[in-house]
Amino acid sequence: METENKKEAGAAYEAPEQTPQAEAKRGARVRLKSYFEPTPKRFRVLGDSMAAASLFLAGLNIDNPKTMLIIGISGAVGKFVTNFFAE
């Protein structure tokens, strides 16, 4: 009987379990641990687009080496930062 009372009392204080759908609705989270987890598709596409656009713009500015460097670094940083997002 004591175990039944403990189970009933414990059940009242337990947080309800979240369904996988509820977790998916919360969106992407940014954490240091999530760098090695799979990146959501929208952030992967965003990072690849930033990297491609920076390479294209850096190639157009061959006459300005400082501008090339700034654009190239910003594209690399953008690609790197998108890896921190995980679902």
PDB file of N, CA and C in Angstrom:
ATOM      1  N   MET A   1       0.813  -1.176   0.000  1.00  0.00           N
ATOM      2  CA  MET A   1       0.000   0.000   0.000  1.00  0.00           C
ATOM      3  C   MET A   1       0.870   1.259   0.000  1.00  0.00           C
ATOM      4  N   GLU A   2       2.017   1.180   0.676  1.00  0.00           N
ATOM      5  CA  GLU A   2       2.904   2.344   0.710  1.00  0.00           C
ATOM      6  C   GLU A   2       3.449   2.649  -0.681  1.00  0.00           C
ATOM      7  N   THR A   3       3.737   1.617  -1.443  1.00  0.00           N
ATOM      8  CA  THR A   3       4.257   1.854  -2.790  1.00  0.00           C
ATOM      9  C   THR A   3       3.198   2.494  -3.675  1.00  0.00           C
ATOM     10  N   GLU A   4       1.936   2.117  -3.494  1.00  0.00           N
ATOM     11  CA  GLU A   4       0.870   2.729  -4.275  1.00  0.00           C
ATOM     12  C   GLU A   4       0.735   4.207  -3.951  1.00  0.00           C
ATOM     13  N   ASN A   5       0.845   4.565  -2.677  1.00  0.00           N
ATOM     14  CA  ASN A   5       0.761   5.969  -2.279  1.00  0.00           C
ATOM     15  C   ASN A   5       1.922   6.762  -2.842  1.00  0.00           C
ATOM     16  N   LYS A   6       3.104   6.180  -2.833  1.00  0.00           N
ATOM     17  CA  LYS A   6       4.273   6.874  -3.376  1.00  0.00           C
ATOM     18  C   LYS A   6       4.130   7.082  -4.884  1.00  0.00           C
ATOM     19  N   LYS A   7       3.584   6.088  -5.562  1.00  0.00           N
ATOM     20  CA  LYS A   7       3.392   6.218  -7.010  1.00  0.00           C
ATOM     21  C   LYS A   7       2.383   7.314  -7.321  1.00  0.00           C
ATOM     22  N   GLU A   8       1.313   7.359  -6.554  1.00  0.00           N
ATOM     23  CA  GLU A   8       0.297   8.381  -6.786  1.00  0.00           C
ATOM     24  C   GLU A   8       0.848   9.770  -6.498  1.00  0.00           C
ATOM     25  N   ALA A   9       1.598   9.902  -5.407  1.00  0.00           N
ATOM     26  CA  ALA A   9       2.168  11.202  -5.067  1.00  0.00           C
ATOM     27  C   ALA A   9       3.233  11.603  -6.075  1.00  0.00           C
ATOM     28  N   GLY A  10       4.024  10.637  -6.525  1.00  0.00           N
ATOM     29  CA  GLY A  10       5.069  10.938  -7.508  1.00  0.00           C
ATOM     30  C   GLY A  10       4.487  11.339  -8.847  1.00  0.00           C
ATOM     31  N   ALA A  11       3.377  10.717  -9.206  1.00  0.00           N
ATOM     32  CA  ALA A  11       2.754  11.036 -10.490  1.00  0.00           C
ATOM     33  C   ALA A  11       2.208  12.451 -10.508  1.00  0.00           C
ATOM     34  N   ALA A  12       1.794  12.947  -9.356  1.00  0.00           N
ATOM     35  CA  ALA A  12       1.239  14.297  -9.290  1.00  0.00           C
ATOM     36  C   ALA A  12       2.316  15.353  -9.500  1.00  0.00           C
ATOM     37  N   TYR A  13       3.539  15.044  -9.152  1.00  0.00           N
ATOM     38  CA  TYR A  13       4.623  16.022  -9.253  1.00  0.00           C
ATOM     39  C   TYR A  13       5.464  15.887 -10.509  1.00  0.00           C
ATOM     40  N   GLU A  14       5.268  14.837 -11.261  1.00  0.00           N
ATOM     41  CA  GLU A  14       6.046  14.639 -12.474  1.00  0.00           C
ATOM     42  C   GLU A  14       5.573  15.586 -13.574  1.00  0.00           C
ATOM     43  N   ALA A  15       6.531  16.085 -14.326  1.00  0.00           N
ATOM     44  CA  ALA A  15       6.180  16.941 -15.460  1.00  0.00           C
ATOM     45  C   ALA A  15       5.628  16.068 -16.579  1.00  0.00           C
ATOM     46  N   PRO A  16       4.649  16.541 -17.293  1.00  0.00           N
ATOM     47  CA  PRO A  16       4.115  15.741 -18.400  1.00  0.00           C
ATOM     48  C   PRO A  16       5.167  15.569 -19.494  1.00  0.00           C
ATOM     49  N   GLU A  17       5.188  14.390 -20.064  1.00  0.00           N
ATOM     50  CA  GLU A  17       6.151  14.118 -21.135  1.00  0.00           C
ATOM     51  C   GLU A  17       5.733  14.859 -22.398  1.00  0.00           C
ATOM     52  N   GLN A  18       6.751  15.374 -23.108  1.00  0.00           N
ATOM     53  CA  GLN A  18       6.455  16.092 -24.341  1.00  0.00           C
ATOM     54  C   GLN A  18       6.516  15.127 -25.508  1.00  0.00           C
ATOM     55  N   THR A  19       5.604  15.303 -26.409  1.00  0.00           N
ATOM     56  CA  THR A  19       5.597  14.470 -27.600  1.00  0.00           C
ATOM     57  C   THR A  19       6.656  14.977 -28.563  1.00  0.00           C
ATOM     58  N   PRO A  20       7.112  14.137 -29.484  1.00  0.00           N
ATOM     59  CA  PRO A  20       8.099  14.601 -30.470  1.00  0.00           C
ATOM     60  C   PRO A  20       7.594  15.775 -31.300  1.00  0.00           C
ATOM     61  N   GLN A  21       6.294  15.855 -31.523  1.00  0.00           N
ATOM     62  CA  GLN A  21       5.752  16.971 -32.287  1.00  0.00           C
ATOM     63  C   GLN A  21       5.903  18.278 -31.530  1.00  0.00           C
ATOM     64  N   ALA A  22       5.738  18.239 -30.206  1.00  0.00           N
ATOM     65  CA  ALA A  22       5.873  19.457 -29.405  1.00  0.00           C
ATOM     66  C   ALA A  22       7.312  19.954 -29.430  1.00  0.00           C
ATOM     67  N   GLU A  23       8.280  19.031 -29.426  1.00  0.00           N
ATOM     68  CA  GLU A  23       9.675  19.440 -29.496  1.00  0.00           C
ATOM     69  C   GLU A  23      10.001  20.033 -30.858  1.00  0.00           C
ATOM     70  N   ALA A  24       9.431  19.500 -31.905  1.00  0.00           N
ATOM     71  CA  ALA A  24       9.712  20.006 -33.242  1.00  0.00           C
ATOM     72  C   ALA A  24       9.142  21.407 -33.435  1.00  0.00           C
ATOM     73  N   LYS A  25       8.056  21.722 -32.752  1.00  0.00           N
ATOM     74  CA  LYS A  25       7.444  23.033 -32.903  1.00  0.00           C
ATOM     75  C   LYS A  25       8.249  24.126 -32.228  1.00  0.00           C
ATOM     76  N   ARG A  26       9.088  23.761 -31.256  1.00  0.00           N
ATOM     77  CA  ARG A  26       9.865  24.772 -30.548  1.00  0.00           C
ATOM     78  C   ARG A  26      10.906  25.423 -31.445  1.00  0.00           C
ATOM     79  N   GLY A  27      11.361  24.738 -32.445  1.00  0.00           N
ATOM     80  CA  GLY A  27      12.341  25.317 -33.348  1.00  0.00           C
ATOM     81  C   GLY A  27      13.757  24.907 -32.987  1.00  0.00           C
ATOM     82  N   ALA A  28      14.708  25.541 -33.651  1.00  0.00           N
ATOM     83  CA  ALA A  28      16.109  25.204 -33.456  1.00  0.00           C
ATOM     84  C   ALA A  28      16.658  25.890 -32.219  1.00  0.00           C
ATOM     85  N   ARG A  29      17.560  25.192 -31.545  1.00  0.00           N
ATOM     86  CA  ARG A  29      18.216  25.750 -30.379  1.00  0.00           C
ATOM     87  C   ARG A  29      19.688  25.938 -30.678  1.00  0.00           C
ATOM     88  N   VAL A  30      20.277  26.959 -30.088  1.00  0.00           N
ATOM     89  CA  VAL A  30      21.691  27.239 -30.261  1.00  0.00           C
ATOM     90  C   VAL A  30      22.415  26.839 -28.987  1.00  0.00           C
ATOM     91  N   ARG A  31      23.280  25.845 -29.100  1.00  0.00           N
ATOM     92  CA  ARG A  31      24.073  25.390 -27.965  1.00  0.00           C
ATOM     93  C   ARG A  31      25.457  25.006 -28.459  1.00  0.00           C
ATOM     94  N   LEU A  32      26.427  25.085 -27.572  1.00  0.00           N
ATOM     95  CA  LEU A  32      27.787  24.698 -27.923  1.00  0.00           C
ATOM     96  C   LEU A  32      27.866  23.204 -28.186  1.00  0.00           C
ATOM     97  N   LYS A  33      27.111  22.407 -27.433  1.00  0.00           N
ATOM     98  CA  LYS A  33      27.116  20.959 -27.613  1.00  0.00           C
ATOM     99  C   LYS A  33      26.527  20.543 -28.957  1.00  0.00           C
ATOM    100  N   SER A  34      25.661  21.361 -29.519  1.00  0.00           N
ATOM    101  CA  SER A  34      24.961  20.973 -30.736  1.00  0.00           C
ATOM    102  C   SER A  34      25.788  21.180 -32.004  1.00  0.00           C
ATOM    103  N   TYR A  35      27.059  21.553 -31.865  1.00  0.00           N
ATOM    104  CA  TYR A  35      27.898  21.763 -33.051  1.00  0.00           C
ATOM    105  C   TYR A  35      28.053  20.468 -33.854  1.00  0.00           C
ATOM    106  N   PHE A  36      28.161  19.345 -33.161  1.00  0.00           N
ATOM    107  CA  PHE A  36      28.378  18.073 -33.843  1.00  0.00           C
ATOM    108  C   PHE A  36      27.092  17.321 -34.132  1.00  0.00           C
ATOM    109  N   GLU A  37      25.949  17.852 -33.729  1.00  0.00           N
ATOM    110  CA  GLU A  37      24.669  17.240 -34.054  1.00  0.00           C
ATOM    111  C   GLU A  37      24.251  17.651 -35.465  1.00  0.00           C
ATOM    112  N   PRO A  38      23.350  16.904 -36.088  1.00  0.00           N
ATOM    113  CA  PRO A  38      22.888  17.280 -37.427  1.00  0.00           C
ATOM    114  C   PRO A  38      22.241  18.670 -37.439  1.00  0.00           C
ATOM    115  N   THR A  39      22.613  19.464 -38.420  1.00  0.00           N
ATOM    116  CA  THR A  39      22.083  20.816 -38.561  1.00  0.00           C
ATOM    117  C   THR A  39      20.752  20.752 -39.313  1.00  0.00           C
ATOM    118  N   PRO A  40      19.742  21.500 -38.871  1.00  0.00           N
ATOM    119  CA  PRO A  40      18.473  21.529 -39.616  1.00  0.00           C
ATOM    120  C   PRO A  40      18.687  22.020 -41.052  1.00  0.00           C
ATOM    121  N   LYS A  41      17.857  21.541 -41.945  1.00  0.00           N
ATOM    122  CA  LYS A  41      18.027  21.825 -43.365  1.00  0.00           C
ATOM    123  C   LYS A  41      18.028  23.308 -43.677  1.00  0.00           C
ATOM    124  N   ARG A  42      17.143  24.077 -43.050  1.00  0.00           N
ATOM    125  CA  ARG A  42      17.059  25.506 -43.381  1.00  0.00           C
ATOM    126  C   ARG A  42      18.337  26.243 -42.992  1.00  0.00           C
ATOM    127  N   PHE A  43      18.985  25.850 -41.895  1.00  0.00           N
ATOM    128  CA  PHE A  43      20.224  26.510 -41.501  1.00  0.00           C
ATOM    129  C   PHE A  43      21.410  26.024 -42.344  1.00  0.00           C
ATOM    130  N   ARG A  44      21.370  24.760 -42.762  1.00  0.00           N
ATOM    131  CA  ARG A  44      22.405  24.243 -43.663  1.00  0.00           C
ATOM    132  C   ARG A  44      22.363  24.993 -44.986  1.00  0.00           C
ATOM    133  N   VAL A  45      21.154  25.198 -45.506  1.00  0.00           N
ATOM    134  CA  VAL A  45      20.986  25.930 -46.768  1.00  0.00           C
ATOM    135  C   VAL A  45      21.431  27.386 -46.595  1.00  0.00           C
ATOM    136  N   LEU A  46      21.074  27.993 -45.458  1.00  0.00           N
ATOM    137  CA  LEU A  46      21.483  29.369 -45.197  1.00  0.00           C
ATOM    138  C   LEU A  46      23.002  29.495 -45.139  1.00  0.00           C
ATOM    139  N   GLY A  47      23.663  28.592 -44.433  1.00  0.00           N
ATOM    140  CA  GLY A  47      25.119  28.634 -44.333  1.00  0.00           C
ATOM    141  C   GLY A  47      25.799  28.424 -45.673  1.00  0.00           C
ATOM    142  N   ASP A  48      25.299  27.478 -46.461  1.00  0.00           N
ATOM    143  CA  ASP A  48      25.876  27.245 -47.790  1.00  0.00           C
ATOM    144  C   ASP A  48      25.663  28.442 -48.705  1.00  0.00           C
ATOM    145  N   SER A  49      24.503  29.067 -48.607  1.00  0.00           N
ATOM    146  CA  SER A  49      24.221  30.248 -49.427  1.00  0.00           C
ATOM    147  C   SER A  49      25.126  31.413 -49.045  1.00  0.00           C
ATOM    148  N   MET A  50      25.348  31.589 -47.746  1.00  0.00           N
ATOM    149  CA  MET A  50      26.246  32.659 -47.300  1.00  0.00           C
ATOM    150  C   MET A  50      27.673  32.422 -47.785  1.00  0.00           C
ATOM    151  N   ALA A  51      28.122  31.171 -47.713  1.00  0.00           N
ATOM    152  CA  ALA A  51      29.473  30.854 -48.167  1.00  0.00           C
ATOM    153  C   ALA A  51      29.604  31.083 -49.679  1.00  0.00           C
ATOM    154  N   ALA A  52      28.617  30.650 -50.451  1.00  0.00           N
ATOM    155  CA  ALA A  52      28.668  30.825 -51.900  1.00  0.00           C
ATOM    156  C   ALA A  52      28.602  32.301 -52.287  1.00  0.00           C
ATOM    157  N   ALA A  53      27.731  33.057 -51.626  1.00  0.00           N
ATOM    158  CA  ALA A  53      27.606  34.482 -51.935  1.00  0.00           C
ATOM    159  C   ALA A  53      28.883  35.230 -51.585  1.00  0.00           C
ATOM    160  N   SER A  54      29.520  34.866 -50.479  1.00  0.00           N
ATOM    161  CA  SER A  54      30.753  35.557 -50.101  1.00  0.00           C
ATOM    162  C   SER A  54      31.876  35.246 -51.086  1.00  0.00           C
ATOM    163  N   LEU A  55      31.938  34.013 -51.561  1.00  0.00           N
ATOM    164  CA  LEU A  55      32.958  33.682 -52.563  1.00  0.00           C
ATOM    165  C   LEU A  55      32.721  34.445 -53.858  1.00  0.00           C
ATOM    166  N   PHE A  56      31.457  34.551 -54.259  1.00  0.00           N
ATOM    167  CA  PHE A  56      31.122  35.274 -55.478  1.00  0.00           C
ATOM    168  C   PHE A  56      31.477  36.755 -55.346  1.00  0.00           C
ATOM    169  N   LEU A  57      31.083  37.368 -54.229  1.00  0.00           N
ATOM    170  CA  LEU A  57      31.362  38.793 -54.035  1.00  0.00           C
ATOM    171  C   LEU A  57      32.852  39.067 -53.859  1.00  0.00           C
ATOM    172  N   ALA A  58      33.548  38.159 -53.206  1.00  0.00           N
ATOM    173  CA  ALA A  58      34.991  38.334 -53.059  1.00  0.00           C
ATOM    174  C   ALA A  58      35.683  38.242 -54.414  1.00  0.00           C
ATOM    175  N   GLY A  59      35.176  37.377 -55.275  1.00  0.00           N
ATOM    176  CA  GLY A  59      35.753  37.252 -56.621  1.00  0.00           C
ATOM    177  C   GLY A  59      35.515  38.487 -57.467  1.00  0.00           C
ATOM    178  N   LEU A  60      34.428  39.200 -57.224  1.00  0.00           N
ATOM    179  CA  LEU A  60      34.155  40.424 -57.973  1.00  0.00           C
ATOM    180  C   LEU A  60      35.048  41.583 -57.523  1.00  0.00           C
ATOM    181  N   ASN A  61      35.578  41.516 -56.313  1.00  0.00           N
ATOM    182  CA  ASN A  61      36.373  42.609 -55.755  1.00  0.00           C
ATOM    183  C   ASN A  61      37.860  42.289 -55.753  1.00  0.00           C
ATOM    184  N   ILE A  62      38.371  41.792 -56.856  1.00  0.00           N
ATOM    185  CA  ILE A  62      39.789  41.427 -56.936  1.00  0.00           C
ATOM    186  C   ILE A  62      40.678  42.663 -56.787  1.00  0.00           C
ATOM    187  N   ASP A  63      40.214  43.810 -57.191  1.00  0.00           N
ATOM    188  CA  ASP A  63      41.024  45.030 -57.099  1.00  0.00           C
ATOM    189  C   ASP A  63      41.149  45.538 -55.668  1.00  0.00           C
ATOM    190  N   ASN A  64      40.260  45.135 -54.781  1.00  0.00           N
ATOM    191  CA  ASN A  64      40.275  45.598 -53.389  1.00  0.00           C
ATOM    192  C   ASN A  64      40.553  44.419 -52.452  1.00  0.00           C
ATOM    193  N   PRO A  65      41.814  44.185 -52.103  1.00  0.00           N
ATOM    194  CA  PRO A  65      42.132  43.015 -51.281  1.00  0.00           C
ATOM    195  C   PRO A  65      41.512  43.062 -49.881  1.00  0.00           C
ATOM    196  N   LYS A  66      41.380  44.243 -49.291  1.00  0.00           N
ATOM    197  CA  LYS A  66      40.780  44.328 -47.960  1.00  0.00           C
ATOM    198  C   LYS A  66      39.306  43.935 -48.008  1.00  0.00           C
ATOM    199  N   THR A  67      38.613  44.383 -49.046  1.00  0.00           N
ATOM    200  CA  THR A  67      37.204  44.034 -49.201  1.00  0.00           C
ATOM    201  C   THR A  67      37.054  42.539 -49.430  1.00  0.00           C
ATOM    202  N   MET A  68      37.941  41.967 -50.232  1.00  0.00           N
ATOM    203  CA  MET A  68      37.917  40.520 -50.465  1.00  0.00           C
ATOM    204  C   MET A  68      38.076  39.759 -49.159  1.00  0.00           C
ATOM    205  N   LEU A  69      39.016  40.190 -48.336  1.00  0.00           N
ATOM    206  CA  LEU A  69      39.285  39.520 -47.076  1.00  0.00           C
ATOM    207  C   LEU A  69      38.087  39.606 -46.130  1.00  0.00           C
ATOM    208  N   ILE A  70      37.502  40.787 -46.018  1.00  0.00           N
ATOM    209  CA  ILE A  70      36.353  40.972 -45.121  1.00  0.00           C
ATOM    210  C   ILE A  70      35.169  40.126 -45.568  1.00  0.00           C
ATOM    211  N   ILE A  71      34.887  40.128 -46.849  1.00  0.00           N
ATOM    212  CA  ILE A  71      33.756  39.353 -47.369  1.00  0.00           C
ATOM    213  C   ILE A  71      34.015  37.857 -47.205  1.00  0.00           C
ATOM    214  N   GLY A  72      35.234  37.410 -47.477  1.00  0.00           N
ATOM    215  CA  GLY A  72      35.570  35.994 -47.325  1.00  0.00           C
ATOM    216  C   GLY A  72      35.469  35.524 -45.892  1.00  0.00           C
ATOM    217  N   ILE A  73      35.966  36.319 -44.973  1.00  0.00           N
ATOM    218  CA  ILE A  73      35.895  35.952 -43.559  1.00  0.00           C
ATOM    219  C   ILE A  73      34.451  35.940 -43.064  1.00  0.00           C
ATOM    220  N   SER A  74      33.657  36.905 -43.495  1.00  0.00           N
ATOM    221  CA  SER A  74      32.259  36.934 -43.054  1.00  0.00           C
ATOM    222  C   SER A  74      31.490  35.714 -43.570  1.00  0.00           C
ATOM    223  N   GLY A  75      31.780  35.270 -44.774  1.00  0.00           N
ATOM    224  CA  GLY A  75      31.127  34.064 -45.298  1.00  0.00           C
ATOM    225  C   GLY A  75      31.538  32.819 -44.535  1.00  0.00           C
ATOM    226  N   ALA A  76      32.826  32.717 -44.179  1.00  0.00           N
ATOM    227  CA  ALA A  76      33.305  31.563 -43.415  1.00  0.00           C
ATOM    228  C   ALA A  76      32.708  31.554 -42.007  1.00  0.00           C
ATOM    229  N   VAL A  77      32.633  32.717 -41.383  1.00  0.00           N
ATOM    230  CA  VAL A  77      32.042  32.807 -40.045  1.00  0.00           C
ATOM    231  C   VAL A  77      30.557  32.459 -40.102  1.00  0.00           C
ATOM    232  N   GLY A  78      29.864  32.935 -41.122  1.00  0.00           N
ATOM    233  CA  GLY A  78      28.444  32.617 -41.271  1.00  0.00           C
ATOM    234  C   GLY A  78      28.208  31.129 -41.433  1.00  0.00           C
ATOM    235  N   LYS A  79      29.042  30.473 -42.204  1.00  0.00           N
ATOM    236  CA  LYS A  79      28.932  29.033 -42.395  1.00  0.00           C
ATOM    237  C   LYS A  79      29.224  28.295 -41.088  1.00  0.00           C
ATOM    238  N   PHE A  80      30.210  28.768 -40.349  1.00  0.00           N
ATOM    239  CA  PHE A  80      30.607  28.153 -39.082  1.00  0.00           C
ATOM    240  C   PHE A  80      29.504  28.304 -38.027  1.00  0.00           C
ATOM    241  N   VAL A  81      28.896  29.470 -37.940  1.00  0.00           N
ATOM    242  CA  VAL A  81      27.880  29.741 -36.915  1.00  0.00           C
ATOM    243  C   VAL A  81      26.621  28.907 -37.139  1.00  0.00           C
ATOM    244  N   THR A  82      26.278  28.615 -38.370  1.00  0.00           N
ATOM    245  CA  THR A  82      25.055  27.843 -38.618  1.00  0.00           C
ATOM    246  C   THR A  82      25.177  26.409 -38.116  1.00  0.00           C
ATOM    247  N   ASN A  83      26.387  25.916 -37.854  1.00  0.00           N
ATOM    248  CA  ASN A  83      26.542  24.558 -37.322  1.00  0.00           C
ATOM    249  C   ASN A  83      26.131  24.446 -35.864  1.00  0.00           C
ATOM    250  N   PHE A  84      25.937  25.549 -35.171  1.00  0.00           N
ATOM    251  CA  PHE A  84      25.566  25.517 -33.766  1.00  0.00           C
ATOM    252  C   PHE A  84      24.063  25.329 -33.570  1.00  0.00           C
ATOM    253  N   PHE A  85      23.283  25.321 -34.633  1.00  0.00           N
ATOM    254  CA  PHE A  85      21.840  25.146 -34.517  1.00  0.00           C
ATOM    255  C   PHE A  85      21.498  23.648 -34.575  1.00  0.00           C
ATOM    256  N   ALA A  86      20.617  23.231 -33.688  1.00  0.00           N
ATOM    257  CA  ALA A  86      20.134  21.840 -33.689  1.00  0.00           C
ATOM    258  C   ALA A  86      18.693  21.849 -33.227  1.00  0.00           C
ATOM    259  N   GLU A  87      17.966  20.834 -33.625  1.00  0.00           N
ATOM    260  CA  GLU A  87      16.554  20.739 -33.221  1.00  0.00           C
ATOM    261  C   GLU A  87      16.451  20.066 -31.885  1.00  0.00           C
TER     262      GLU A  87
END
